[in-house]
Amino acid sequence: MHEFELIKKYFSKIAKKNKSALNLNDDVFFDKRRGVVISVDTYNLGTHFFNFQSPDLVIKKILRSSISDLICKGVKPKFYFISGSGNKTSFTKNNLYKISKSLNSEQKKFNIVLCGGDTTFSNKLSFTITSLGYANKIIYRNKAKLDDDIYVTGNLGDSYLGLKLLSNKLNIKKKDKLFFISKYYKPVLPLNLTKYLLKFANSSIDVSDGLIDDLSKMINIQNLSFHLFEKKIPISNKLSNLIKNQRLNKINLVSNGDDYQILFTANVNKTRIIQNASKSTGIKITKIGKIVSGKDRSFIFDEKGKQIQAKSKGYIHQF
């Protein structure tokens, strides 16, 4: 079974009485009365990060992807806890120094503070991060409305290309290679959009597992579908040039995750507010599609207007 079947079959029932658990169908725990929002994520070597040759970069990616769960809910992260499992090969003094220095840099960048965690010996390297923030309201999954516009922040696809380059599956100019690898390790999070999101977003999620998969999760218990327009999906100029020169598949590149941008839906009358928020924050926000009735199938319309079935391309944990 995959991860969502596992959760539904074995854990949803025992969390059912806890409203703050959000039916285990969202990225966070939200205690509305106390105004507390919490997210927990685990990252394993070989699954969530390619190798541990650059521990300072790996820890940046891990922390940013964790706090992204709060950011996409319209919540600024304040505190985090980190637990690490490793051995004397992975947790050398040099590696630990690099990790500590990198975390300190991230704390300053995102105004967050380390509060605790745990360390255990293991031959399998992994990290678990718990992120915490305060809010009286959040943007949920599964609150999209029929005819909502679909938006995404930033650009998609750069991070996945960075992963392909790290695994030597592509050969490009060194300057471009460094750009894409940097996007993989250091995704640019739309942190400053948090204070605006609640003004216009009906539903939201971060793009972690891939555009199609995450959009499907955002509406997974609603009788809704989506139409996306390939031409409107935002990508960087470097990726655009690479797609043209090497005849790469755009949909494949933007559907494999690790982007950590905010994917959200909003009513059509919120267009001007969204444009103003984009201008005020300097954060790129692009309208890429439409929420349609569940009676219709989910489709992507390619550059020529031809319908392509929206197939899952992102990562799903299988057990």
Protein backbone atom coordinates (compact mmCIF):
# COMPACT_ATOMS: atom_id res chain seq x y z
CA MET A 1 0.00 0.00 0.00
CA HIS A 2 1.08 3.60 -0.43
CA GLU A 3 1.48 6.09 2.42
CA PHE A 4 -2.02 7.54 2.22
CA GLU A 5 -3.70 4.13 2.27
CA LEU A 6 -1.58 3.22 5.29
CA ILE A 7 -2.63 6.36 7.18
CA LYS A 8 -6.31 5.92 6.33
CA LYS A 9 -6.43 2.24 7.26
CA TYR A 10 -4.42 2.22 10.48
CA PHE A 11 -4.26 5.72 11.97
CA SER A 12 -7.16 7.96 10.86
CA LYS A 13 -9.68 6.29 13.19
CA ILE A 14 -7.58 6.78 16.32
CA ALA A 15 -7.14 10.49 15.53
CA LYS A 16 -10.78 11.04 14.56
CA LYS A 17 -11.85 12.61 17.88
CA ASN A 18 -9.02 15.15 17.72
CA LYS A 19 -10.26 17.98 15.49
CA SER A 20 -6.83 19.60 15.54
CA ALA A 21 -5.39 16.59 13.71
CA LEU A 22 -7.45 17.63 10.64
CA ASN A 23 -8.33 14.00 9.88
CA LEU A 24 -4.61 13.37 9.21
CA ASN A 25 -5.30 14.80 5.76
CA ASP A 26 -3.31 18.02 5.87
CA ASP A 27 0.31 19.05 6.32
CA VAL A 28 -0.13 20.33 9.85
CA PHE A 29 -1.72 19.98 13.28
CA PHE A 30 -3.78 23.08 14.11
CA ASP A 31 -5.07 23.80 17.60
CA LYS A 32 -7.35 26.74 16.88
CA ARG A 33 -8.12 27.49 20.54
CA ARG A 34 -4.46 27.75 21.50
CA GLY A 35 -3.37 29.19 18.15
CA VAL A 36 -0.66 26.57 17.62
CA VAL A 37 0.37 25.05 14.27
CA ILE A 38 2.80 22.09 14.11
CA SER A 39 4.36 20.08 11.29
CA VAL A 40 6.57 16.95 11.47
CA ASP A 41 8.74 15.61 8.64
CA THR A 42 11.32 12.84 8.37
CA TYR A 43 14.10 12.75 5.76
CA ASN A 44 16.08 9.63 4.85
CA LEU A 45 19.35 9.31 2.96
CA GLY A 46 18.74 7.91 -0.51
CA THR A 47 15.06 8.89 -0.49
CA HIS A 48 14.88 12.56 0.44
CA PHE A 49 18.46 13.61 -0.22
CA PHE A 50 20.87 12.17 -2.74
CA ASN A 51 24.01 11.86 -0.60
CA PHE A 52 25.68 13.45 2.44
CA GLN A 53 28.77 14.85 0.77
CA SER A 54 27.56 18.40 1.50
CA PRO A 55 25.94 18.19 4.96
CA ASP A 56 25.63 21.99 5.17
CA LEU A 57 23.49 22.03 2.01
CA VAL A 58 21.48 18.93 2.91
CA ILE A 59 20.45 20.41 6.24
CA LYS A 60 19.36 23.64 4.52
CA LYS A 61 17.14 21.68 2.16
CA ILE A 62 15.68 19.63 5.01
CA LEU A 63 14.88 22.63 7.20
CA ARG A 64 13.40 24.66 4.36
CA SER A 65 11.22 21.82 3.15
CA SER A 66 9.95 21.34 6.70
CA ILE A 67 9.00 24.96 7.42
CA SER A 68 7.41 25.11 3.96
CA ASP A 69 4.51 23.10 5.44
CA LEU A 70 3.68 26.02 7.71
CA ILE A 71 4.32 28.74 5.13
CA CYS A 72 1.80 27.29 2.69
CA LYS A 73 -0.83 27.40 5.46
CA GLY A 74 -0.27 31.14 5.88
CA VAL A 75 1.79 30.67 9.05
CA LYS A 76 5.25 32.04 9.82
CA PRO A 77 7.43 29.37 11.47
CA LYS A 78 8.90 30.37 14.84
CA PHE A 79 10.52 27.30 16.40
CA TYR A 80 11.90 23.96 15.27
CA PHE A 81 13.13 20.72 16.81
CA ILE A 82 15.59 18.46 15.02
CA SER A 83 16.38 14.79 15.62
CA GLY A 84 19.20 13.00 13.83
CA SER A 85 20.10 9.34 13.48
CA GLY A 86 23.57 8.51 12.21
CA ASN A 87 26.97 7.06 13.02
CA LYS A 88 30.63 8.12 13.23
CA THR A 89 30.86 8.21 9.43
CA SER A 90 27.98 10.64 8.95
CA PHE A 91 28.32 12.56 12.24
CA THR A 92 32.00 13.45 12.07
CA LYS A 93 33.16 16.56 13.92
CA ASN A 94 33.59 18.33 10.59
CA ASN A 95 30.10 17.40 9.43
CA LEU A 96 28.52 18.40 12.73
CA TYR A 97 30.31 21.76 12.59
CA LYS A 98 28.99 22.35 9.07
CA ILE A 99 25.45 21.36 10.11
CA SER A 100 25.54 23.66 13.14
CA LYS A 101 26.88 26.60 11.13
CA SER A 102 24.30 26.07 8.39
CA LEU A 103 21.39 25.85 10.85
CA ASN A 104 22.53 29.07 12.50
CA SER A 105 22.52 30.78 9.10
CA GLU A 106 19.01 29.47 8.36
CA GLN A 107 17.76 30.69 11.73
CA LYS A 108 18.85 34.22 10.89
CA LYS A 109 17.37 34.05 7.40
CA PHE A 110 13.93 32.81 8.48
CA ASN A 111 13.83 34.22 12.03
CA ILE A 112 13.38 30.82 13.65
CA VAL A 113 14.93 29.24 16.75
CA LEU A 114 16.12 25.72 17.60
CA CYS A 115 14.29 24.43 20.67
CA GLY A 116 15.43 20.82 21.09
CA GLY A 117 15.46 17.40 19.49
CA ASP A 118 17.20 14.05 19.85
CA THR A 119 20.24 12.16 18.61
CA THR A 120 20.48 8.39 18.16
CA PHE A 121 23.07 6.01 16.77
CA SER A 122 22.07 4.27 13.54
CA ASN A 123 23.71 2.94 10.40
CA LYS A 124 20.93 4.61 8.42
CA LEU A 125 21.17 8.39 8.25
CA SER A 126 17.93 10.30 8.81
CA PHE A 127 16.63 13.57 10.24
CA THR A 128 13.24 14.48 11.68
CA ILE A 129 12.19 18.11 12.01
CA THR A 130 9.22 19.42 13.94
CA SER A 131 8.23 22.98 13.02
CA LEU A 132 5.98 25.20 15.10
CA GLY A 133 4.24 28.50 14.54
CA TYR A 134 1.33 30.54 15.93
CA ALA A 135 -1.89 31.44 14.13
CA ASN A 136 -5.61 31.79 14.79
CA LYS A 137 -6.49 30.88 11.21
CA ILE A 138 -4.87 28.74 8.53
CA ILE A 139 -5.59 27.77 4.93
CA TYR A 140 -6.70 24.16 4.76
CA ARG A 141 -6.53 21.54 2.09
CA ASN A 142 -9.87 20.44 0.62
CA LYS A 143 -11.49 23.88 0.74
CA ALA A 144 -11.21 24.58 -2.98
CA LYS A 145 -14.38 25.85 -4.66
CA LEU A 146 -15.82 25.07 -8.08
CA ASP A 147 -14.48 27.57 -10.67
CA ASP A 148 -11.59 28.65 -8.40
CA ASP A 149 -8.47 29.77 -10.22
CA ILE A 150 -5.33 27.75 -9.52
CA TYR A 151 -2.13 29.64 -8.69
CA VAL A 152 1.47 28.78 -7.88
CA THR A 153 4.32 30.92 -6.55
CA GLY A 154 7.83 31.12 -8.00
CA ASN A 155 9.10 28.73 -10.66
CA LEU A 156 8.79 24.95 -10.93
CA GLY A 157 11.19 22.32 -12.23
CA ASP A 158 14.59 23.79 -11.36
CA SER A 159 15.00 21.63 -8.28
CA TYR A 160 14.20 18.37 -10.06
CA LEU A 161 16.70 19.20 -12.76
CA GLY A 162 19.25 19.84 -10.01
CA LEU A 163 18.61 16.33 -8.69
CA LYS A 164 19.07 14.84 -12.16
CA LEU A 165 22.40 16.66 -12.45
CA LEU A 166 23.54 15.39 -9.04
CA SER A 167 22.82 11.85 -10.22
CA ASN A 168 24.75 12.51 -13.46
CA LYS A 169 21.70 11.97 -15.65
CA LEU A 170 22.23 15.13 -17.67
CA ASN A 171 25.18 17.05 -19.09
CA ILE A 172 25.04 20.86 -19.31
CA LYS A 173 27.29 23.92 -18.90
CA LYS A 174 28.94 24.22 -15.48
CA LYS A 175 27.38 27.64 -14.76
CA ASP A 176 23.88 26.32 -15.44
CA LYS A 177 24.61 23.13 -13.49
CA LEU A 178 25.51 25.15 -10.39
CA PHE A 179 22.29 27.16 -10.75
CA PHE A 180 20.02 24.09 -10.81
CA ILE A 181 21.87 22.27 -8.01
CA SER A 182 21.58 25.40 -5.87
CA LYS A 183 17.81 25.41 -6.47
CA TYR A 184 17.69 21.78 -5.35
CA TYR A 185 19.51 22.39 -2.08
CA LYS A 186 18.27 25.92 -1.38
CA PRO A 187 14.68 26.37 -2.56
CA VAL A 188 13.54 30.01 -2.36
CA LEU A 189 10.60 29.95 0.03
CA PRO A 190 7.79 32.55 -0.39
CA LEU A 191 7.88 33.39 3.34
CA ASN A 192 6.67 36.98 3.02
CA LEU A 193 3.44 35.85 1.37
CA THR A 194 2.15 34.29 4.60
CA LYS A 195 0.49 37.49 5.84
CA TYR A 196 -1.40 37.87 2.56
CA LEU A 197 -2.52 34.28 1.87
CA LEU A 198 -5.49 34.31 4.23
CA LYS A 199 -6.92 37.26 2.30
CA PHE A 200 -7.45 35.31 -0.90
CA ALA A 201 -6.59 31.58 -0.77
CA ASN A 202 -9.40 29.04 -0.32
CA SER A 203 -7.11 26.01 -0.24
CA SER A 204 -3.35 25.48 -0.30
CA ILE A 205 -0.46 23.03 -0.21
CA ASP A 206 3.28 23.22 -0.85
CA VAL A 207 4.70 21.65 -4.00
CA SER A 208 6.82 18.91 -2.45
CA ASP A 209 5.80 15.70 -4.23
CA GLY A 210 5.08 17.28 -7.61
CA LEU A 211 2.57 19.68 -9.16
CA ILE A 212 0.05 17.05 -10.29
CA ASP A 213 0.29 14.90 -7.16
CA ASP A 214 0.05 17.85 -4.79
CA LEU A 215 -2.87 19.40 -6.64
CA SER A 216 -4.62 16.02 -6.51
CA LYS A 217 -3.99 15.84 -2.74
CA MET A 218 -5.34 19.35 -2.28
CA ILE A 219 -8.76 18.26 -3.63
CA ASN A 220 -8.59 14.57 -2.71
CA ILE A 221 -11.81 14.35 -0.69
CA GLN A 222 -13.79 16.77 -2.83
CA ASN A 223 -15.85 16.02 -5.89
CA LEU A 224 -13.64 18.27 -8.00
CA SER A 225 -11.11 18.02 -10.81
CA PHE A 226 -8.63 20.44 -12.35
CA HIS A 227 -7.57 21.79 -15.71
CA LEU A 228 -3.98 23.04 -16.04
CA PHE A 229 -2.41 24.96 -18.91
CA GLU A 230 1.13 23.86 -19.71
CA LYS A 231 2.02 27.19 -21.28
CA LYS A 232 1.19 29.08 -18.07
CA ILE A 233 3.17 26.89 -15.66
CA PRO A 234 6.07 29.16 -14.60
CA ILE A 235 9.66 28.07 -15.19
CA SER A 236 12.97 29.91 -15.06
CA ASN A 237 14.62 31.30 -18.18
CA LYS A 238 17.48 28.82 -17.74
CA LEU A 239 15.07 25.88 -17.65
CA SER A 240 13.11 27.25 -20.61
CA ASN A 241 16.28 27.46 -22.70
CA LEU A 242 17.31 23.97 -21.66
CA ILE A 243 13.92 22.53 -22.61
CA LYS A 244 14.25 24.04 -26.08
CA ASN A 245 17.89 23.05 -26.61
CA GLN A 246 17.66 19.50 -25.29
CA ARG A 247 14.01 18.82 -26.14
CA LEU A 248 13.06 18.02 -22.57
CA ASN A 249 9.50 17.40 -21.40
CA LYS A 250 8.22 20.41 -19.44
CA ILE A 251 5.35 18.57 -17.74
CA ASN A 252 7.71 15.88 -16.52
CA LEU A 253 10.16 18.45 -15.12
CA VAL A 254 7.52 20.42 -13.20
CA SER A 255 5.75 17.32 -11.86
CA ASN A 256 8.49 15.70 -9.79
CA GLY A 257 8.49 17.87 -6.69
CA ASP A 258 11.08 19.44 -4.39
CA ASP A 259 10.01 22.94 -5.46
CA TYR A 260 8.47 23.99 -2.11
CA GLN A 261 6.39 26.71 -3.70
CA ILE A 262 2.82 27.48 -2.62
CA LEU A 263 0.06 25.96 -4.73
CA PHE A 264 -3.33 27.50 -3.95
CA THR A 265 -6.82 28.15 -5.27
CA ALA A 266 -8.74 31.41 -5.09
CA ASN A 267 -12.04 32.86 -6.23
CA VAL A 268 -11.95 34.65 -9.59
CA ASN A 269 -12.75 37.98 -7.89
CA LYS A 270 -9.48 37.84 -5.93
CA THR A 271 -7.29 38.47 -8.98
CA ARG A 272 -6.44 42.08 -8.18
CA ILE A 273 -5.68 41.34 -4.51
CA ILE A 274 -3.32 38.54 -5.59
CA GLN A 275 -1.60 40.81 -8.10
CA ASN A 276 -1.12 43.46 -5.40
CA ALA A 277 0.29 40.89 -2.97
CA SER A 278 2.73 39.75 -5.64
CA LYS A 279 3.82 43.32 -6.28
CA SER A 280 4.16 44.18 -2.57
CA THR A 281 6.26 41.11 -1.74
CA GLY A 282 8.18 40.75 -5.00
CA ILE A 283 7.01 37.12 -5.10
CA LYS A 284 6.04 35.76 -8.49
CA ILE A 285 2.47 34.40 -8.51
CA THR A 286 1.09 32.75 -11.65
CA LYS A 287 -2.41 31.61 -12.56
CA ILE A 288 -2.00 28.15 -14.10
CA GLY A 289 -5.46 26.59 -14.25
CA LYS A 290 -8.99 26.16 -13.04
CA ILE A 291 -10.92 23.96 -10.59
CA VAL A 292 -13.72 22.16 -12.44
CA SER A 293 -16.50 19.73 -11.56
CA GLY A 294 -15.59 16.22 -10.49
CA LYS A 295 -17.79 15.02 -13.33
CA ASP A 296 -14.98 16.13 -15.64
CA ARG A 297 -11.59 14.45 -15.76
CA SER A 298 -8.45 16.26 -14.69
CA PHE A 299 -6.54 17.42 -17.75
CA ILE A 300 -3.48 19.35 -18.76
CA PHE A 301 -3.76 21.40 -21.95
CA ASP A 302 -0.44 21.42 -23.80
CA GLU A 303 1.15 24.31 -25.69
CA LYS A 304 -1.08 23.58 -28.70
CA GLY A 305 -4.27 23.27 -26.67
CA LYS A 306 -4.37 19.49 -26.87
CA GLN A 307 -5.66 17.63 -23.80
CA ILE A 308 -3.14 15.48 -21.93
CA GLN A 309 -4.33 13.24 -19.12
CA ALA A 310 -2.88 14.40 -15.80
CA LYS A 311 -0.89 11.39 -14.63
CA SER A 312 0.96 11.10 -11.34
CA LYS A 313 4.69 11.68 -11.77
CA GLY A 314 5.72 12.73 -8.27
CA TYR A 315 7.11 10.68 -5.41
CA ILE A 316 4.87 8.43 -3.30
CA HIS A 317 6.14 6.23 -0.46
CA GLN A 318 5.21 2.61 -1.07
CA PHE A 319 5.15 0.04 1.74
